[in-house]
Structures are given as structure tokens and as C-alpha cells.
Amino acid sequence: MKRFLPGLLAVVMLLTCAGCKKTPDQTIDPKAPDVNMNAPENLATPTPEVPDYTNPLTGEPMHEDISMNRPVAVMVNNIIKAQPQRGVSNADMIFEIPAEGGVTRMLAIFQDVSGIASIGSIRSLRSYYLQVTQGFDAILVHAGGSEEAYTDLKTTGWDHIDGVMGNYHVDPFYRDKDRMANGTEHSLFAVGDKIIESIEDSGYETTHKAGFDYGYSFSEDAGTQCKTKADYAKIIFNSGKNTSFVYDSKTGLYTGYQFGERYKDDGKTDMTFKNLLLLSAGMNVYDGVGRLSVDFDKGGTGYFICEGKSVEINWVKTDDDTGFEFTLKNGMPLDLGIGKTYIGIHDKTAGSVTFEKSK
């Protein structure tokens, strides 16, 4: 029995070792590199987070609900010697309308101006730009204005920040010395965060009243409303000023051109738009300086241009405090594409829209 026990133990040990033997695919190669399972390339791809909110001016997704915040509308200089503009690529919508003297000015609408280092240059107000501003329930930023515009500001009591007549505890404005060579009037800019501080310091209401709605609807296939090819479009304001756009099928966006070159923010960032609304309206000269009035209350016609195609539309603005309403010729409401929008408004008798490049 004593002789048998050592033999039995030997057999048990052999069987145990045989059970521990690794199969070929489990063999550890001492030369193989260690695998870090926590390395980014070895982690499972996370499911993208879908934002819960949308920007009411673009239809784009947002992580924070700022849809009831009042936007900021900035009067932007647009003569050639004031180029390039700054901060405008952050705007959600840009309106371009003629001013006296054959030039245009722009009204840039920002749902959020926070974090924008410089916006401008900023110029004076005209009454029809105030009417556009009112339709957005926006807080206006400008630098002076015509007598009529100041009268309307007083009559309406509209919330505004004025870089000429204003006196603010928090001053959002500054002069760019490099721009003064072309005239002091072309050198005024504002800082986005300081605009917000100045608005709050002025005691202005920063949110819309309950039930406010811009009235815009957005669709991922808004281009299906359009029927006519429009890889190129140009709005002609007068003999001296036009703005044109070229469609890029890869991005689905239109790139702007003015003054014979690409329209750029600070000379760096192309100004691109998902939607173009090129509208006609009645305009009249009402004083000896050549200042204009725009007949918004009569509405008009125009073109909606999106995804390389165009369609004729109608538009109305029934009241100063209401926004623009756009409809197709059959009366159905117009959907905008998801993204930024350019709105150009020309005199129905002196301006025009073309979809053909000049040869």
C-alpha cells in the first residue's frame, strides 16, 4: 500500500498538469505587445448624444434651450471701405436692404451673441431696419440713426443699445484704430459678452413673452419645394451694388460674393447660407438726403433658393411687431432648410434677381 500511494500521486499530478495545458489560441506570445483595453481605439464607440432643443432661427440642434431668449439684431456697415465685417458668420439670419446713396446695410440677427469677440463695424439705424427688428422681438444694437428712426425708437420704446447717443455703465463698444484710416464712422465694433452685460444692466427683458413664435418651420428636405435649377443666384440692388451666391453640392450651402470677391467674415471665414430669400418690395425716397421707406405692409414676391434650386414665393409682414410670412404660390407655407438664412430685399422697380452669370 505504501508503494502504491506514491505512484497514485504521480498520476494525479500528471492529469492535473494536462488539464492546465493551454490550447494553441490561448498561448501567450512573450514578444506580443500589451493591449490596453482602456485605450480609445479599444473602447466601444459611444452612441452620439442627440440634443434636446433646436435653434428657432435655423432649426439646428442645440444642447441648451435658448429658444425663448430674445435675439440681438446688429446694424452692420456694408460699404466697400468698411470691409471686412466681423462676427457676422455667427449670425443666424442676415438681412441686406438698400440705404440712401446706393449702398446697402445689413441687419445681423443672433440668437446668441455670447463668446463673439467682435461684431461690426456698426452703423446707424433706419426705420425699416427697426421694423425688421421688431418682428423678431430682438434687442437692437446700432450707432446713431436718422431723425425718423430716433422718433420711432422713442414712440415704440424699443429696447436698444446705441453706440453714439447711449451712455452705459457697461459699454459694449470700442473703436478699432486700424479702421479709422477709412473714417471714424467705419471703426465702431462691439463685444458679444459685453452686449449681454449691457442689456442686463439696462434692465431690458431678455426673454420673449409667453406664446411668442417666430413663425418659421424647418425641414431636412426643404429643397423639394423648389423646381428650377439655381446653382447661381444674384440680387441686384442698383447699378452699384449686388450680392451673388454660388451653390456647393458637396456642402449643400451657398457661398456669398460681393464687391467682386468672396464675402468673408474678418477676411477669413466664407459666408455661407443654407437658404436664400431674395425678395422685392416697394421703396420710396422721402427726403432730400435720399433716405428710403420700405412698404413692408404691402408684402411682395420673391424667390426661395435652397439645395441648388429655386421657387417663386409670396411674402407678407402684416404689422411692425410681426415677422415675415413666406408662402409658396399655391398658398402653402414655406419650409426653410436647416441652417443659416440670407434675406435680400430689393426695390421692385429698380432692382432684380437673376440666375445667370454675366459673361
Protein backbone atom coordinates (compact mmCIF):
# COMPACT_ATOMS: atom_id res chain seq x y z
CA MET A 1 0.00 0.00 0.00
CA LYS A 2 2.84 2.42 0.79
CA ARG A 3 4.47 1.60 -2.58
CA PHE A 4 1.22 2.20 -4.46
CA LEU A 5 0.49 5.65 -2.94
CA PRO A 6 3.47 7.50 -4.49
CA GLY A 7 2.52 6.13 -7.91
CA LEU A 8 -1.09 7.22 -7.49
CA LEU A 9 0.00 10.73 -6.55
CA ALA A 10 2.20 10.92 -9.65
CA VAL A 11 -0.72 10.01 -11.91
CA VAL A 12 -2.95 12.67 -10.30
CA MET A 13 -0.27 15.31 -10.81
CA LEU A 14 0.14 14.38 -14.49
CA LEU A 15 -3.61 14.60 -15.08
CA THR A 16 -3.79 17.96 -13.32
CA CYS A 17 -0.98 19.38 -15.44
CA ALA A 18 -2.64 18.05 -18.59
CA GLY A 19 -5.82 19.93 -17.64
CA CYS A 20 -3.80 23.13 -17.27
CA LYS A 21 -2.26 22.89 -20.77
CA LYS A 22 -3.28 25.86 -22.99
CA THR A 23 -4.86 25.35 -26.38
CA PRO A 24 -2.91 26.88 -29.28
CA ASP A 25 -5.05 30.04 -29.47
CA GLN A 26 -4.51 30.67 -25.78
CA THR A 27 -0.75 30.54 -25.96
CA ILE A 28 0.81 33.79 -24.73
CA ASP A 29 3.49 35.19 -27.01
CA PRO A 30 6.08 36.82 -24.77
CA LYS A 31 7.02 39.12 -27.65
CA ALA A 32 3.44 40.36 -28.22
CA PRO A 33 2.75 43.94 -27.02
CA ASP A 34 0.45 44.50 -24.08
CA VAL A 35 -3.11 45.52 -25.07
CA ASN A 36 -4.64 48.44 -23.16
CA MET A 37 -8.36 47.78 -23.22
CA ASN A 38 -8.95 51.34 -21.95
CA ALA A 39 -7.23 52.91 -24.95
CA PRO A 40 -9.63 54.99 -27.12
CA GLU A 41 -9.26 52.68 -30.10
CA ASN A 42 -10.29 49.68 -27.99
CA LEU A 43 -13.32 51.28 -26.38
CA ALA A 44 -16.79 50.78 -27.80
CA THR A 45 -17.97 53.69 -29.94
CA PRO A 46 -20.41 55.72 -27.84
CA THR A 47 -23.83 56.48 -29.22
CA PRO A 48 -23.91 60.16 -30.31
CA GLU A 49 -25.92 62.33 -27.98
CA VAL A 50 -28.91 63.88 -29.67
CA PRO A 51 -29.53 67.46 -28.46
CA ASP A 52 -32.95 68.02 -26.99
CA TYR A 53 -33.50 71.53 -28.38
CA THR A 54 -33.37 73.44 -31.66
CA ASN A 55 -32.38 76.97 -32.62
CA PRO A 56 -35.65 78.70 -33.62
CA LEU A 57 -33.85 80.77 -36.28
CA THR A 58 -32.03 77.92 -38.03
CA GLY A 59 -33.70 74.67 -36.99
CA GLU A 60 -30.28 73.37 -35.93
CA PRO A 61 -29.92 71.19 -32.80
CA MET A 62 -28.82 72.80 -29.54
CA HIS A 63 -27.91 71.37 -26.15
CA GLU A 64 -29.41 74.33 -24.27
CA ASP A 65 -32.93 75.66 -24.64
CA ILE A 66 -32.49 79.33 -25.56
CA SER A 67 -35.48 79.42 -27.89
CA MET A 68 -37.34 81.91 -25.69
CA ASN A 69 -34.36 84.25 -25.34
CA ARG A 70 -34.76 87.49 -27.24
CA PRO A 71 -32.19 87.64 -30.05
CA VAL A 72 -29.83 90.54 -30.72
CA ALA A 73 -30.09 92.46 -34.01
CA VAL A 74 -26.97 94.40 -35.03
CA MET A 75 -26.84 97.14 -37.69
CA VAL A 76 -23.78 96.25 -39.78
CA ASN A 77 -21.84 98.55 -42.10
CA ASN A 78 -21.63 97.22 -45.65
CA ILE A 79 -19.79 99.73 -47.83
CA ILE A 80 -16.64 98.56 -49.54
CA LYS A 81 -14.23 100.63 -47.43
CA ALA A 82 -15.71 99.08 -44.26
CA GLN A 83 -14.84 95.52 -45.31
CA PRO A 84 -14.26 93.01 -43.94
CA GLN A 85 -17.08 92.75 -41.45
CA ARG A 86 -16.51 90.85 -38.21
CA GLY A 87 -18.61 88.36 -36.28
CA VAL A 88 -21.25 88.01 -38.98
CA SER A 89 -20.59 84.31 -39.62
CA ASN A 90 -22.11 83.73 -36.17
CA ALA A 91 -25.41 85.34 -37.18
CA ASP A 92 -28.38 83.04 -37.78
CA MET A 93 -30.03 85.33 -40.30
CA ILE A 94 -28.72 88.31 -42.27
CA PHE A 95 -30.92 90.92 -43.95
CA GLU A 96 -29.47 93.15 -46.65
CA ILE A 97 -31.53 96.19 -47.70
CA PRO A 98 -30.58 99.37 -49.59
CA ALA A 99 -29.86 102.60 -47.77
CA GLU A 100 -29.51 106.06 -49.25
CA GLY A 101 -26.64 106.76 -51.59
CA GLY A 102 -26.86 103.47 -53.47
CA VAL A 103 -25.27 101.42 -50.68
CA THR A 104 -26.74 98.63 -48.59
CA ARG A 105 -26.61 97.90 -44.91
CA MET A 106 -27.14 94.62 -43.15
CA LEU A 107 -29.06 93.60 -40.06
CA ALA A 108 -27.47 90.54 -38.48
CA ILE A 109 -29.78 88.52 -36.20
CA PHE A 110 -28.08 86.48 -33.47
CA GLN A 111 -29.99 84.08 -31.26
CA ASP A 112 -26.87 84.07 -29.08
CA VAL A 113 -24.04 86.65 -29.15
CA SER A 114 -22.08 85.18 -26.25
CA GLY A 115 -18.43 84.47 -26.94
CA ILE A 116 -18.24 86.59 -30.12
CA ALA A 117 -15.10 88.68 -29.77
CA SER A 118 -16.01 91.43 -32.23
CA ILE A 119 -19.13 92.38 -34.22
CA GLY A 120 -19.25 95.16 -36.79
CA SER A 121 -18.47 97.63 -37.92
CA ILE A 122 -21.70 99.07 -36.61
CA ARG A 123 -23.66 101.82 -38.36
CA SER A 124 -26.75 103.93 -37.92
CA LEU A 125 -30.37 102.85 -37.90
CA ARG A 126 -33.15 103.40 -40.43
CA SER A 127 -36.82 102.90 -39.61
CA TYR A 128 -37.32 99.84 -41.81
CA TYR A 129 -34.49 98.02 -40.05
CA LEU A 130 -36.28 98.74 -36.78
CA GLN A 131 -39.42 97.19 -38.31
CA VAL A 132 -37.45 94.04 -39.15
CA THR A 133 -36.04 94.01 -35.61
CA GLN A 134 -39.49 94.29 -34.07
CA GLY A 135 -40.67 91.23 -35.99
CA PHE A 136 -38.03 89.18 -34.18
CA ASP A 137 -38.72 90.83 -30.79
CA ALA A 138 -34.96 91.45 -30.87
CA ILE A 139 -32.87 93.87 -28.85
CA LEU A 140 -31.28 96.31 -31.27
CA VAL A 141 -27.60 97.34 -31.37
CA HIS A 142 -26.77 100.34 -33.57
CA ALA A 143 -24.67 103.51 -33.78
CA GLY A 144 -26.93 106.51 -34.25
CA GLY A 145 -29.80 106.80 -36.68
CA SER A 146 -31.90 109.02 -38.89
CA GLU A 147 -34.30 111.50 -37.29
CA GLU A 148 -37.21 109.28 -38.29
CA ALA A 149 -35.53 106.23 -36.75
CA TYR A 150 -34.98 108.03 -33.45
CA THR A 151 -38.59 109.18 -33.47
CA ASP A 152 -39.72 105.59 -33.99
CA LEU A 153 -37.45 104.33 -31.22
CA LYS A 154 -39.00 106.86 -28.85
CA THR A 155 -42.56 106.16 -29.99
CA THR A 156 -42.23 102.40 -29.69
CA GLY A 157 -39.99 102.45 -26.63
CA TRP A 158 -37.97 99.72 -28.30
CA ASP A 159 -35.08 98.22 -26.34
CA HIS A 160 -31.80 99.24 -27.96
CA ILE A 161 -28.11 99.82 -27.31
CA ASP A 162 -26.81 102.94 -29.10
CA GLY A 163 -23.09 103.42 -29.75
CA VAL A 164 -23.49 107.14 -30.44
CA MET A 165 -26.18 108.58 -28.17
CA GLY A 166 -26.10 105.95 -25.44
CA ASN A 167 -24.34 106.21 -22.09
CA TYR A 168 -23.91 102.79 -20.50
CA HIS A 169 -22.43 101.58 -17.26
CA VAL A 170 -21.27 98.54 -19.21
CA ASP A 171 -20.10 99.84 -22.58
CA PRO A 172 -20.03 97.09 -25.22
CA PHE A 173 -18.43 99.29 -27.91
CA TYR A 174 -14.84 100.03 -28.89
CA ARG A 175 -13.02 101.78 -31.72
CA ASP A 176 -10.62 99.89 -33.95
CA LYS A 177 -7.77 102.34 -34.60
CA ASP A 178 -6.72 100.48 -37.74
CA ARG A 179 -10.15 101.12 -39.27
CA MET A 180 -10.10 104.86 -38.59
CA ALA A 181 -7.94 105.45 -41.67
CA ASN A 182 -11.10 104.99 -43.75
CA GLY A 183 -13.21 107.17 -41.47
CA THR A 184 -14.20 107.14 -37.82
CA GLU A 185 -17.72 106.11 -38.78
CA HIS A 186 -16.35 102.79 -40.01
CA SER A 187 -14.42 101.93 -36.84
CA LEU A 188 -17.05 101.06 -34.22
CA PHE A 189 -17.31 97.43 -33.07
CA ALA A 190 -18.96 95.63 -30.15
CA VAL A 191 -18.08 92.63 -27.98
CA GLY A 192 -20.73 89.92 -27.71
CA ASP A 193 -20.42 89.21 -23.99
CA LYS A 194 -20.45 92.93 -23.18
CA ILE A 195 -23.59 93.38 -25.27
CA ILE A 196 -25.25 90.83 -23.00
CA GLU A 197 -23.95 92.59 -19.88
CA SER A 198 -25.11 95.97 -21.18
CA ILE A 199 -28.59 94.59 -21.95
CA GLU A 200 -28.88 93.15 -18.45
CA ASP A 201 -27.50 96.33 -16.87
CA SER A 202 -30.07 98.38 -18.81
CA GLY A 203 -32.84 96.30 -17.27
CA TYR A 204 -34.26 95.09 -20.58
CA GLU A 205 -36.40 91.97 -20.64
CA THR A 206 -34.25 89.19 -22.06
CA THR A 207 -36.93 86.60 -22.84
CA HIS A 208 -39.96 86.61 -25.11
CA LYS A 209 -43.43 86.82 -23.71
CA ALA A 210 -45.28 83.53 -23.39
CA GLY A 211 -46.58 82.27 -26.69
CA PHE A 212 -44.11 84.17 -28.88
CA ASP A 213 -43.26 82.35 -32.11
CA TYR A 214 -41.03 83.46 -34.98
CA GLY A 215 -43.30 81.52 -37.30
CA TYR A 216 -40.56 79.65 -39.15
CA SER A 217 -40.67 75.94 -39.86
CA PHE A 218 -37.67 73.90 -40.99
CA SER A 219 -37.33 70.72 -42.99
CA GLU A 220 -34.45 68.44 -43.96
CA ASP A 221 -35.87 68.21 -47.49
CA ALA A 222 -36.85 71.86 -47.97
CA GLY A 223 -35.21 71.77 -51.41
CA THR A 224 -38.01 69.55 -52.71
CA GLN A 225 -40.27 72.63 -52.71
CA CYS A 226 -38.00 74.16 -55.39
CA LYS A 227 -38.35 73.26 -59.07
CA THR A 228 -35.94 75.40 -61.12
CA LYS A 229 -32.16 74.92 -61.21
CA ALA A 230 -30.30 77.63 -59.28
CA ASP A 231 -26.61 76.81 -58.84
CA TYR A 232 -26.05 80.56 -59.07
CA ALA A 233 -28.19 83.49 -57.94
CA LYS A 234 -27.68 87.25 -57.79
CA ILE A 235 -29.75 90.02 -56.23
CA ILE A 236 -29.19 93.37 -57.91
CA PHE A 237 -29.99 96.29 -55.61
CA ASN A 238 -28.93 99.00 -58.05
CA SER A 239 -26.27 99.72 -60.65
CA GLY A 240 -23.57 99.88 -57.98
CA LYS A 241 -24.39 97.04 -55.60
CA ASN A 242 -25.26 93.38 -55.99
CA THR A 243 -24.70 90.24 -53.95
CA SER A 244 -24.30 86.85 -55.61
CA PHE A 245 -24.21 83.25 -54.42
CA VAL A 246 -22.71 80.03 -55.76
CA TYR A 247 -24.02 76.62 -54.72
CA ASP A 248 -21.69 73.87 -53.49
CA SER A 249 -23.38 70.48 -53.88
CA LYS A 250 -20.84 68.88 -51.51
CA THR A 251 -21.79 71.08 -48.57
CA GLY A 252 -25.34 71.90 -49.64
CA LEU A 253 -24.59 75.59 -48.99
CA TYR A 254 -24.41 78.82 -50.96
CA THR A 255 -21.23 80.92 -50.72
CA GLY A 256 -21.71 84.68 -50.88
CA TYR A 257 -19.84 87.16 -53.10
CA GLN A 258 -19.83 90.95 -53.06
CA PHE A 259 -17.58 93.74 -54.31
CA GLY A 260 -16.02 91.33 -56.77
CA GLU A 261 -14.76 88.84 -54.19
CA ARG A 262 -15.87 86.20 -51.73
CA TYR A 263 -17.91 87.55 -48.84
CA LYS A 264 -15.83 86.68 -45.77
CA ASP A 265 -16.05 87.24 -42.04
CA ASP A 266 -12.89 89.09 -40.96
CA GLY A 267 -11.36 88.17 -44.29
CA LYS A 268 -11.07 84.55 -43.18
CA THR A 269 -14.37 82.68 -42.98
CA ASP A 270 -16.58 82.29 -46.05
CA MET A 271 -20.12 83.48 -45.52
CA THR A 272 -22.28 80.51 -46.41
CA PHE A 273 -26.02 80.00 -46.23
CA LYS A 274 -28.45 77.10 -46.43
CA ASN A 275 -31.32 79.34 -47.52
CA LEU A 276 -31.58 82.38 -49.74
CA LEU A 277 -34.70 84.55 -49.74
CA LEU A 278 -34.45 87.20 -52.45
CA LEU A 279 -37.45 89.50 -52.12
CA SER A 280 -38.90 92.53 -53.89
CA ALA A 281 -40.66 95.36 -52.08
CA GLY A 282 -41.96 98.83 -52.76
CA MET A 283 -39.43 101.51 -51.80
CA ASN A 284 -39.70 105.29 -51.88
CA VAL A 285 -37.34 108.23 -51.29
CA TYR A 286 -38.91 110.50 -48.68
CA ASP A 287 -36.38 113.30 -48.09
CA GLY A 288 -33.74 115.40 -49.79
CA VAL A 289 -30.94 113.20 -48.49
CA GLY A 290 -32.32 110.23 -50.36
CA ARG A 291 -33.47 108.22 -47.35
CA LEU A 292 -35.86 105.37 -48.10
CA SER A 293 -39.05 103.92 -46.77
CA VAL A 294 -39.94 100.26 -47.40
CA ASP A 295 -43.56 99.15 -47.83
CA PHE A 296 -43.44 96.02 -45.69
CA ASP A 297 -47.17 96.13 -45.02
CA LYS A 298 -47.93 95.60 -48.71
CA GLY A 299 -45.82 92.46 -48.95
CA GLY A 300 -44.48 91.27 -52.26
CA THR A 301 -42.98 88.44 -54.24
CA GLY A 302 -39.59 86.79 -54.38
CA TYR A 303 -37.61 83.59 -54.64
CA PHE A 304 -36.74 80.87 -52.18
CA ILE A 305 -33.45 79.22 -53.12
CA CYS A 306 -32.19 76.04 -51.48
CA GLU A 307 -30.15 72.98 -52.44
CA GLY A 308 -29.35 74.24 -55.92
CA LYS A 309 -32.93 75.04 -56.93
CA SER A 310 -35.40 77.92 -56.68
CA VAL A 311 -39.13 78.55 -56.47
CA GLU A 312 -41.24 81.71 -56.62
CA ILE A 313 -42.86 82.75 -53.35
CA ASN A 314 -45.06 85.41 -51.79
CA TRP A 315 -44.29 87.22 -48.57
CA VAL A 316 -46.15 89.47 -46.13
CA LYS A 317 -45.34 91.35 -42.95
CA THR A 318 -48.71 92.35 -41.63
CA ASP A 319 -47.53 94.51 -38.72
CA ASP A 320 -44.37 96.05 -37.32
CA ASP A 321 -44.46 93.55 -34.45
CA THR A 322 -44.94 90.52 -36.68
CA GLY A 323 -42.31 88.67 -38.64
CA PHE A 324 -42.15 87.79 -42.31
CA GLU A 325 -44.51 85.08 -43.52
CA PHE A 326 -43.46 83.14 -46.61
CA THR A 327 -45.77 81.05 -48.75
CA LEU A 328 -45.50 79.15 -52.00
CA LYS A 329 -47.56 80.39 -54.95
CA ASN A 330 -50.20 77.76 -54.12
CA GLY A 331 -50.63 79.31 -50.69
CA MET A 332 -48.87 76.55 -48.75
CA PRO A 333 -46.47 77.69 -46.01
CA LEU A 334 -42.79 77.61 -46.93
CA ASP A 335 -40.37 75.38 -45.03
CA LEU A 336 -36.81 76.61 -44.66
CA GLY A 337 -33.82 74.31 -44.85
CA ILE A 338 -31.98 73.62 -41.61
CA GLY A 339 -29.22 76.20 -41.40
CA LYS A 340 -28.47 79.91 -41.79
CA THR A 341 -30.51 82.23 -43.99
CA TYR A 342 -29.72 85.30 -46.09
CA ILE A 343 -32.62 87.65 -46.88
CA GLY A 344 -32.02 90.29 -49.53
CA ILE A 345 -34.72 92.88 -50.25
CA HIS A 346 -34.56 95.00 -53.41
CA ASP A 347 -36.73 97.79 -54.79
CA LYS A 348 -39.31 96.15 -57.02
CA THR A 349 -38.88 98.86 -59.66
CA ALA A 350 -35.12 99.45 -59.51
CA GLY A 351 -33.71 96.05 -58.55
CA SER A 352 -33.93 92.49 -59.79
CA VAL A 353 -32.87 88.87 -59.32
CA THR A 354 -31.02 86.79 -61.89
CA PHE A 355 -29.89 83.18 -62.03
CA GLU A 356 -27.44 83.63 -64.89
CA LYS A 357 -23.78 84.62 -64.53
CA SER A 358 -22.62 87.62 -66.52
CA LYS A 359 -20.32 86.71 -69.39
